[in-house]
């Protein structure tokens, strides 16, 4: 949840959707697509950046071509939920470069991790050398993705 001071309107959301579609779009093109003149468009963009609503810009990479064709979803359940155990787990995960995303979950599992690795052996090494040493893990339930049906970073219109 953001504690921004800016009240986003539909024009701000249009700007964000266009940038989610093409982060390399020029301000001129962006302004035309959202029906603004360049100066107000750039001002809105800078406000969204300064308020932390736009957190950064990135590049989408083909994981297989990069050499990390295996996507793993691991559901992790902790043995206990003391502040120390939770903090220790989250700090270790923060520095595990194989973990692309980590979510705190409701239900049986405490965390859902999205992990990328080169092969099954690399996942085994990750579990043995990264997850197990963290300690206080009651269970790890692993699922391997064998295809991607949909992947997007573009938010729906509201």
C-alpha atoms as a PDB file:
ATOM      1  CA  UNK A   1       0.000   0.000   0.000  1.00  0.00           C
ATOM      2  CA  UNK A   2       1.392   3.368  -0.958  1.00  0.00           C
ATOM      3  CA  UNK A   3       1.339   6.379   1.309  1.00  0.00           C
ATOM      4  CA  UNK A   4       1.524   8.759  -1.653  1.00  0.00           C
ATOM      5  CA  UNK A   5       0.226  12.269  -1.536  1.00  0.00           C
ATOM      6  CA  UNK A   6      -0.898  12.174  -5.159  1.00  0.00           C
ATOM      7  CA  UNK A   7      -4.476  11.271  -6.003  1.00  0.00           C
ATOM      8  CA  UNK A   8      -4.267   9.290  -9.203  1.00  0.00           C
ATOM      9  CA  UNK A   9      -6.910   9.922 -11.821  1.00  0.00           C
ATOM     10  CA  UNK A  10      -7.788   8.102 -15.027  1.00  0.00           C
ATOM     11  CA  UNK A  11      -5.158  10.044 -17.002  1.00  0.00           C
ATOM     12  CA  UNK A  12      -2.416   8.937 -14.591  1.00  0.00           C
ATOM     13  CA  UNK A  13      -3.623   5.360 -14.984  1.00  0.00           C
ATOM     14  CA  UNK A  14      -3.536   5.709 -18.787  1.00  0.00           C
ATOM     15  CA  UNK A  15       0.059   6.917 -18.566  1.00  0.00           C
ATOM     16  CA  UNK A  16       0.974   3.936 -16.387  1.00  0.00           C
ATOM     17  CA  UNK A  17      -0.733   1.425 -18.710  1.00  0.00           C
ATOM     18  CA  UNK A  18       1.078   2.851 -21.737  1.00  0.00           C
ATOM     19  CA  UNK A  19       4.409   2.647 -19.903  1.00  0.00           C
ATOM     20  CA  UNK A  20       3.641  -0.917 -18.810  1.00  0.00           C
ATOM     21  CA  UNK A  21       3.064  -1.734 -22.476  1.00  0.00           C
ATOM     22  CA  UNK A  22       6.205   0.053 -23.685  1.00  0.00           C
ATOM     23  CA  UNK A  23       8.608   1.421 -21.080  1.00  0.00           C
ATOM     24  CA  UNK A  24      10.831   2.922 -23.792  1.00  0.00           C
ATOM     25  CA  UNK A  25       8.131   5.118 -25.320  1.00  0.00           C
ATOM     26  CA  UNK A  26       9.166   8.753 -25.783  1.00  0.00           C
ATOM     27  CA  UNK A  27       7.329  11.476 -23.913  1.00  0.00           C
ATOM     28  CA  UNK A  28       6.042  12.805 -27.259  1.00  0.00           C
ATOM     29  CA  UNK A  29       4.516   9.419 -28.152  1.00  0.00           C
ATOM     30  CA  UNK A  30       3.194   8.913 -24.633  1.00  0.00           C
ATOM     31  CA  UNK A  31       1.540  12.321 -24.619  1.00  0.00           C
ATOM     32  CA  UNK A  32      -0.138  11.588 -27.964  1.00  0.00           C
ATOM     33  CA  UNK A  33      -1.409   8.182 -26.781  1.00  0.00           C
ATOM     34  CA  UNK A  34      -2.962   9.609 -23.603  1.00  0.00           C
ATOM     35  CA  UNK A  35      -4.238  12.751 -25.334  1.00  0.00           C
ATOM     36  CA  UNK A  36      -2.127  15.317 -23.463  1.00  0.00           C
ATOM     37  CA  UNK A  37       0.403  17.854 -24.593  1.00  0.00           C
ATOM     38  CA  UNK A  38       4.015  16.864 -23.827  1.00  0.00           C
ATOM     39  CA  UNK A  39       4.629  19.260 -20.895  1.00  0.00           C
ATOM     40  CA  UNK A  40       1.648  18.203 -18.743  1.00  0.00           C
ATOM     41  CA  UNK A  41       2.332  14.558 -19.625  1.00  0.00           C
ATOM     42  CA  UNK A  42       5.942  14.842 -18.478  1.00  0.00           C
ATOM     43  CA  UNK A  43       4.857  16.672 -15.312  1.00  0.00           C
ATOM     44  CA  UNK A  44       2.398  13.884 -14.476  1.00  0.00           C
ATOM     45  CA  UNK A  45       5.044  11.256 -15.209  1.00  0.00           C
ATOM     46  CA  UNK A  46       7.578  12.948 -12.916  1.00  0.00           C
ATOM     47  CA  UNK A  47       4.944  13.235 -10.151  1.00  0.00           C
ATOM     48  CA  UNK A  48       4.191   9.495 -10.463  1.00  0.00           C
ATOM     49  CA  UNK A  49       7.916   8.746 -10.222  1.00  0.00           C
ATOM     50  CA  UNK A  50       8.569  11.160  -7.340  1.00  0.00           C
ATOM     51  CA  UNK A  51       5.651   9.774  -5.330  1.00  0.00           C
ATOM     52  CA  UNK A  52       6.954   6.216  -5.771  1.00  0.00           C
ATOM     53  CA  UNK A  53       3.923   5.055  -7.734  1.00  0.00           C
ATOM     54  CA  UNK A  54       6.227   4.296 -10.646  1.00  0.00           C
ATOM     55  CA  UNK A  55       8.970   2.412  -8.848  1.00  0.00           C
ATOM     56  CA  UNK A  56      11.341   1.935 -11.763  1.00  0.00           C
ATOM     57  CA  UNK A  57      11.802   0.752 -15.308  1.00  0.00           C
ATOM     58  CA  UNK A  58      12.957  -2.673 -16.406  1.00  0.00           C
ATOM     59  CA  UNK A  59      13.387  -5.052 -19.266  1.00  0.00           C
ATOM     60  CA  UNK A  60      11.517  -8.307 -19.863  1.00  0.00           C
ATOM     61  CA  UNK A  61      13.945 -11.103 -20.696  1.00  0.00           C
ATOM     62  CA  UNK A  62      13.328 -14.559 -22.139  1.00  0.00           C
ATOM     63  CA  UNK A  63      14.364 -16.766 -19.196  1.00  0.00           C
ATOM     64  CA  UNK A  64      15.073 -19.766 -21.402  1.00  0.00           C
ATOM     65  CA  UNK A  65      17.334 -17.798 -23.719  1.00  0.00           C
ATOM     66  CA  UNK A  66      19.084 -16.384 -20.629  1.00  0.00           C
ATOM     67  CA  UNK A  67      19.730 -19.920 -19.406  1.00  0.00           C
ATOM     68  CA  UNK A  68      17.065 -20.247 -16.680  1.00  0.00           C
ATOM     69  CA  UNK A  69      14.324 -22.294 -18.357  1.00  0.00           C
ATOM     70  CA  UNK A  70      12.847 -23.822 -15.183  1.00  0.00           C
ATOM     71  CA  UNK A  71      10.260 -21.814 -13.264  1.00  0.00           C
ATOM     72  CA  UNK A  72       9.403 -23.204  -9.857  1.00  0.00           C
ATOM     73  CA  UNK A  73       6.635 -22.220  -7.478  1.00  0.00           C
ATOM     74  CA  UNK A  74       7.444 -23.269  -3.931  1.00  0.00           C
ATOM     75  CA  UNK A  75       4.976 -23.002  -1.086  1.00  0.00           C
ATOM     76  CA  UNK A  76       6.821 -22.719   2.214  1.00  0.00           C
ATOM     77  CA  UNK A  77       5.343 -23.325   5.639  1.00  0.00           C
ATOM     78  CA  UNK A  78       7.284 -22.204   8.707  1.00  0.00           C
ATOM     79  CA  UNK A  79       7.476 -24.253  11.914  1.00  0.00           C
ATOM     80  CA  UNK A  80       6.513 -21.226  14.003  1.00  0.00           C
ATOM     81  CA  UNK A  81       5.661 -17.601  13.416  1.00  0.00           C
ATOM     82  CA  UNK A  82       7.681 -15.692  15.973  1.00  0.00           C
ATOM     83  CA  UNK A  83       9.011 -12.323  14.860  1.00  0.00           C
ATOM     84  CA  UNK A  84      12.578 -13.693  14.820  1.00  0.00           C
ATOM     85  CA  UNK A  85      11.716 -16.708  12.636  1.00  0.00           C
ATOM     86  CA  UNK A  86       9.709 -14.628  10.166  1.00  0.00           C
ATOM     87  CA  UNK A  87      12.358 -11.899   9.997  1.00  0.00           C
ATOM     88  CA  UNK A  88      15.149 -14.447   9.520  1.00  0.00           C
ATOM     89  CA  UNK A  89      13.291 -16.208   6.705  1.00  0.00           C
ATOM     90  CA  UNK A  90      12.393 -12.979   4.901  1.00  0.00           C
ATOM     91  CA  UNK A  91      15.941 -11.589   5.174  1.00  0.00           C
ATOM     92  CA  UNK A  92      17.411 -14.766   3.683  1.00  0.00           C
ATOM     93  CA  UNK A  93      14.880 -14.791   0.841  1.00  0.00           C
ATOM     94  CA  UNK A  94      15.616 -11.139   0.092  1.00  0.00           C
ATOM     95  CA  UNK A  95      19.202 -12.127  -0.789  1.00  0.00           C
ATOM     96  CA  UNK A  96      18.403 -15.378  -2.652  1.00  0.00           C
ATOM     97  CA  UNK A  97      18.952 -14.354  -6.263  1.00  0.00           C
ATOM     98  CA  UNK A  98      17.049 -17.363  -7.631  1.00  0.00           C
ATOM     99  CA  UNK A  99      13.861 -16.061  -5.961  1.00  0.00           C
ATOM    100  CA  UNK A 100      12.201 -13.557  -8.279  1.00  0.00           C
ATOM    101  CA  UNK A 101       9.090 -13.037  -6.164  1.00  0.00           C
ATOM    102  CA  UNK A 102       8.017 -13.884  -2.631  1.00  0.00           C
ATOM    103  CA  UNK A 103       4.492 -13.441  -1.295  1.00  0.00           C
ATOM    104  CA  UNK A 104       3.114 -13.804   2.221  1.00  0.00           C
ATOM    105  CA  UNK A 105       0.079 -16.059   1.837  1.00  0.00           C
ATOM    106  CA  UNK A 106      -3.114 -16.986   3.605  1.00  0.00           C
ATOM    107  CA  UNK A 107      -4.027 -20.649   3.950  1.00  0.00           C
ATOM    108  CA  UNK A 108      -1.790 -23.617   4.696  1.00  0.00           C
ATOM    109  CA  UNK A 109       1.443 -22.155   3.275  1.00  0.00           C
ATOM    110  CA  UNK A 110       3.031 -19.062   4.721  1.00  0.00           C
ATOM    111  CA  UNK A 111       4.940 -18.006   1.589  1.00  0.00           C
ATOM    112  CA  UNK A 112       4.792 -18.529  -2.157  1.00  0.00           C
ATOM    113  CA  UNK A 113       8.142 -18.228  -3.928  1.00  0.00           C
ATOM    114  CA  UNK A 114       8.673 -17.848  -7.659  1.00  0.00           C
ATOM    115  CA  UNK A 115      12.101 -19.270  -8.443  1.00  0.00           C
ATOM    116  CA  UNK A 116      14.071 -19.629 -11.683  1.00  0.00           C
ATOM    117  CA  UNK A 117      16.843 -22.174 -12.168  1.00  0.00           C
ATOM    118  CA  UNK A 118      18.812 -23.763 -14.991  1.00  0.00           C
ATOM    119  CA  UNK A 119      17.717 -27.356 -14.301  1.00  0.00           C
ATOM    120  CA  UNK A 120      16.412 -29.771 -11.663  1.00  0.00           C
ATOM    121  CA  UNK A 121      19.855 -30.200 -10.161  1.00  0.00           C
ATOM    122  CA  UNK A 122      20.133 -26.420  -9.697  1.00  0.00           C
ATOM    123  CA  UNK A 123      16.785 -26.460  -7.875  1.00  0.00           C
ATOM    124  CA  UNK A 124      18.000 -29.260  -5.604  1.00  0.00           C
ATOM    125  CA  UNK A 125      21.143 -27.244  -4.825  1.00  0.00           C
ATOM    126  CA  UNK A 126      18.979 -24.174  -4.131  1.00  0.00           C
ATOM    127  CA  UNK A 127      16.819 -26.130  -1.665  1.00  0.00           C
ATOM    128  CA  UNK A 128      19.801 -27.739   0.078  1.00  0.00           C
ATOM    129  CA  UNK A 129      22.137 -24.730   0.140  1.00  0.00           C
ATOM    130  CA  UNK A 130      19.723 -21.782   0.381  1.00  0.00           C
ATOM    131  CA  UNK A 131      16.374 -22.860   1.851  1.00  0.00           C
ATOM    132  CA  UNK A 132      17.353 -25.589   4.328  1.00  0.00           C
ATOM    133  CA  UNK A 133      20.045 -23.528   6.071  1.00  0.00           C
ATOM    134  CA  UNK A 134      17.469 -20.819   6.857  1.00  0.00           C
ATOM    135  CA  UNK A 135      15.957 -23.164   9.435  1.00  0.00           C
ATOM    136  CA  UNK A 136      12.467 -23.227  10.971  1.00  0.00           C
ATOM    137  CA  UNK A 137      10.919 -24.449   7.691  1.00  0.00           C
ATOM    138  CA  UNK A 138       8.239 -27.065   8.323  1.00  0.00           C
ATOM    139  CA  UNK A 139       7.567 -27.890   4.666  1.00  0.00           C
ATOM    140  CA  UNK A 140       8.333 -26.962   1.075  1.00  0.00           C
ATOM    141  CA  UNK A 141       5.743 -27.921  -1.536  1.00  0.00           C
ATOM    142  CA  UNK A 142       7.149 -27.529  -5.048  1.00  0.00           C
ATOM    143  CA  UNK A 143       5.386 -27.179  -8.405  1.00  0.00           C
ATOM    144  CA  UNK A 144       7.179 -26.833 -11.725  1.00  0.00           C
ATOM    145  CA  UNK A 145       5.651 -24.693 -14.464  1.00  0.00           C
ATOM    146  CA  UNK A 146       5.838 -26.462 -17.803  1.00  0.00           C
ATOM    147  CA  UNK A 147       4.156 -23.754 -19.872  1.00  0.00           C
ATOM    148  CA  UNK A 148       3.068 -20.137 -19.598  1.00  0.00           C
ATOM    149  CA  UNK A 149      -0.480 -19.374 -20.699  1.00  0.00           C
ATOM    150  CA  UNK A 150      -0.447 -15.687 -19.798  1.00  0.00           C
ATOM    151  CA  UNK A 151       2.140 -13.331 -18.389  1.00  0.00           C
ATOM    152  CA  UNK A 152       1.584  -9.605 -18.251  1.00  0.00           C
ATOM    153  CA  UNK A 153       2.721  -6.625 -16.267  1.00  0.00           C
ATOM    154  CA  UNK A 154      -0.120  -4.418 -17.467  1.00  0.00           C
ATOM    155  CA  UNK A 155      -2.706  -3.588 -14.826  1.00  0.00           C
ATOM    156  CA  UNK A 156      -6.421  -3.814 -15.712  1.00  0.00           C
ATOM    157  CA  UNK A 157      -8.413  -0.626 -16.237  1.00  0.00           C
ATOM    158  CA  UNK A 158     -10.366   0.586 -13.219  1.00  0.00           C
END
